[in-house]
Amino acid sequence: MSEEKNSQHQEDRRNYWRTNLRVIFGCLIVWALVSLGLGIVWAEPLNALSLGGYPLGFWFAQQGSIYTFLVLIFFYAWRMNKLDKEFNVDEE
């Protein structure tokens, strides 16, 4: 019985970290697309549009990537709290 419980615990830990890594990699991909993609790679075509009087490519390079990073921080905290509750490892 103890062996079965230990096995289930190990499986739960693997699933928790697998899901955690998926969330982390998803956030990194979004961050890379916004900061590198929109701010550098696709900046010239985006500069044809403007936001607040500034070319959109420039805006993403200067402000958009920072705002996106802040949103990702809050998203990650929210998602990890939800994941912790799912796997009964929350602090509350």
C-alpha atoms as a PDB file:
ATOM      1  CA  MET A   1       0.000   0.000   0.000  1.00  0.00           C
ATOM      2  CA  SER A   2       2.803   2.416   0.856  1.00  0.00           C
ATOM      3  CA  GLU A   3       4.532   1.647  -2.427  1.00  0.00           C
ATOM      4  CA  GLU A   4       1.343   2.435  -4.356  1.00  0.00           C
ATOM      5  CA  LYS A   5       0.894   5.714  -2.482  1.00  0.00           C
ATOM      6  CA  ASN A   6       4.528   6.670  -3.136  1.00  0.00           C
ATOM      7  CA  SER A   7       4.107   5.841  -6.815  1.00  0.00           C
ATOM      8  CA  GLN A   8       0.998   8.043  -7.040  1.00  0.00           C
ATOM      9  CA  HIS A   9       2.846  10.845  -5.238  1.00  0.00           C
ATOM     10  CA  GLN A  10       5.721  10.628  -7.731  1.00  0.00           C
ATOM     11  CA  GLU A  11       3.272  10.710 -10.651  1.00  0.00           C
ATOM     12  CA  ASP A  12       1.521  13.758  -9.190  1.00  0.00           C
ATOM     13  CA  ARG A  13       4.877  15.521  -8.809  1.00  0.00           C
ATOM     14  CA  ARG A  14       5.785  14.752 -12.432  1.00  0.00           C
ATOM     15  CA  ASN A  15       2.438  16.033 -13.673  1.00  0.00           C
ATOM     16  CA  TYR A  16       2.759  19.184 -11.566  1.00  0.00           C
ATOM     17  CA  TRP A  17       6.206  20.014 -12.933  1.00  0.00           C
ATOM     18  CA  ARG A  18       5.259  19.080 -16.476  1.00  0.00           C
ATOM     19  CA  THR A  19       2.353  21.529 -16.312  1.00  0.00           C
ATOM     20  CA  ASN A  20       4.535  24.143 -14.618  1.00  0.00           C
ATOM     21  CA  LEU A  21       7.132  23.885 -17.384  1.00  0.00           C
ATOM     22  CA  ARG A  22       4.422  24.205 -20.047  1.00  0.00           C
ATOM     23  CA  VAL A  23       3.245  27.444 -18.441  1.00  0.00           C
ATOM     24  CA  ILE A  24       6.816  28.763 -18.206  1.00  0.00           C
ATOM     25  CA  PHE A  25       7.630  27.904 -21.826  1.00  0.00           C
ATOM     26  CA  GLY A  26       4.352  29.441 -22.996  1.00  0.00           C
ATOM     27  CA  CYS A  27       5.172  32.675 -21.178  1.00  0.00           C
ATOM     28  CA  LEU A  28       8.690  32.699 -22.618  1.00  0.00           C
ATOM     29  CA  ILE A  29       7.370  32.206 -26.137  1.00  0.00           C
ATOM     30  CA  VAL A  30       4.908  35.093 -25.759  1.00  0.00           C
ATOM     31  CA  TRP A  31       7.637  37.293 -24.288  1.00  0.00           C
ATOM     32  CA  ALA A  32      10.048  36.442 -27.120  1.00  0.00           C
ATOM     33  CA  LEU A  33       7.446  37.046 -29.822  1.00  0.00           C
ATOM     34  CA  VAL A  34       6.525  40.432 -28.393  1.00  0.00           C
ATOM     35  CA  SER A  35       9.983  41.706 -27.465  1.00  0.00           C
ATOM     36  CA  LEU A  36      12.035  40.229 -30.305  1.00  0.00           C
ATOM     37  CA  GLY A  37       9.359  39.707 -32.927  1.00  0.00           C
ATOM     38  CA  LEU A  38       7.255  42.847 -32.660  1.00  0.00           C
ATOM     39  CA  GLY A  39      10.013  45.080 -31.297  1.00  0.00           C
ATOM     40  CA  ILE A  40      12.871  44.110 -33.607  1.00  0.00           C
ATOM     41  CA  VAL A  41      12.096  41.626 -36.401  1.00  0.00           C
ATOM     42  CA  TRP A  42       8.743  43.066 -37.545  1.00  0.00           C
ATOM     43  CA  ALA A  43       9.400  46.641 -36.361  1.00  0.00           C
ATOM     44  CA  GLU A  44       9.679  48.169 -39.841  1.00  0.00           C
ATOM     45  CA  PRO A  45       6.300  46.940 -41.133  1.00  0.00           C
ATOM     46  CA  LEU A  46       4.682  47.855 -37.794  1.00  0.00           C
ATOM     47  CA  ASN A  47       6.097  51.370 -37.991  1.00  0.00           C
ATOM     48  CA  ALA A  48       3.555  52.107 -40.729  1.00  0.00           C
ATOM     49  CA  LEU A  49       0.974  52.138 -37.913  1.00  0.00           C
ATOM     50  CA  SER A  50       1.108  54.415 -34.914  1.00  0.00           C
ATOM     51  CA  LEU A  51       0.027  54.210 -31.287  1.00  0.00           C
ATOM     52  CA  GLY A  52      -0.167  57.395 -29.247  1.00  0.00           C
ATOM     53  CA  GLY A  53       1.681  59.282 -31.972  1.00  0.00           C
ATOM     54  CA  TYR A  54       4.610  56.865 -32.033  1.00  0.00           C
ATOM     55  CA  PRO A  55       5.401  54.219 -34.661  1.00  0.00           C
ATOM     56  CA  LEU A  56       4.014  50.871 -33.470  1.00  0.00           C
ATOM     57  CA  GLY A  57       7.322  48.983 -33.888  1.00  0.00           C
ATOM     58  CA  PHE A  58       9.099  51.590 -31.784  1.00  0.00           C
ATOM     59  CA  TRP A  59       6.302  51.478 -29.198  1.00  0.00           C
ATOM     60  CA  PHE A  60       6.588  47.686 -28.844  1.00  0.00           C
ATOM     61  CA  ALA A  61      10.366  47.913 -28.510  1.00  0.00           C
ATOM     62  CA  GLN A  62      10.156  50.620 -25.834  1.00  0.00           C
ATOM     63  CA  GLN A  63       6.877  50.074 -23.976  1.00  0.00           C
ATOM     64  CA  GLY A  64       4.925  47.110 -25.327  1.00  0.00           C
ATOM     65  CA  SER A  65       7.467  44.492 -24.296  1.00  0.00           C
ATOM     66  CA  ILE A  66       7.561  45.915 -20.760  1.00  0.00           C
ATOM     67  CA  TYR A  67       3.761  45.908 -20.475  1.00  0.00           C
ATOM     68  CA  THR A  68       3.641  42.390 -21.859  1.00  0.00           C
ATOM     69  CA  PHE A  69       6.251  41.257 -19.345  1.00  0.00           C
ATOM     70  CA  LEU A  70       4.189  42.717 -16.474  1.00  0.00           C
ATOM     71  CA  VAL A  71       1.038  40.997 -17.739  1.00  0.00           C
ATOM     72  CA  LEU A  72       2.970  37.716 -17.987  1.00  0.00           C
ATOM     73  CA  ILE A  73       4.130  38.057 -14.371  1.00  0.00           C
ATOM     74  CA  PHE A  74       0.557  38.427 -13.135  1.00  0.00           C
ATOM     75  CA  PHE A  75      -0.658  35.650 -15.440  1.00  0.00           C
ATOM     76  CA  TYR A  76       2.065  33.291 -14.178  1.00  0.00           C
ATOM     77  CA  ALA A  77       1.254  34.041 -10.524  1.00  0.00           C
ATOM     78  CA  TRP A  78      -2.480  33.485 -11.147  1.00  0.00           C
ATOM     79  CA  ARG A  79      -1.901  30.281 -13.111  1.00  0.00           C
ATOM     80  CA  MET A  80       0.541  28.837 -10.574  1.00  0.00           C
ATOM     81  CA  ASN A  81      -1.870  29.547  -7.695  1.00  0.00           C
ATOM     82  CA  LYS A  82      -4.544  27.675  -9.627  1.00  0.00           C
ATOM     83  CA  LEU A  83      -2.111  24.829 -10.385  1.00  0.00           C
ATOM     84  CA  ASP A  84      -1.025  24.635  -6.731  1.00  0.00           C
ATOM     85  CA  LYS A  85      -4.648  24.229  -5.669  1.00  0.00           C
ATOM     86  CA  GLU A  86      -5.195  21.561  -8.341  1.00  0.00           C
ATOM     87  CA  PHE A  87      -2.328  19.484  -6.954  1.00  0.00           C
ATOM     88  CA  ASN A  88      -2.955  20.319  -3.284  1.00  0.00           C
ATOM     89  CA  VAL A  89       0.374  22.076  -2.770  1.00  0.00           C
ATOM     90  CA  ASP A  90      -1.036  25.563  -2.115  1.00  0.00           C
ATOM     91  CA  GLU A  91      -0.044  27.526   0.956  1.00  0.00           C
ATOM     92  CA  GLU A  92      -3.565  28.376   2.056  1.00  0.00           C
END
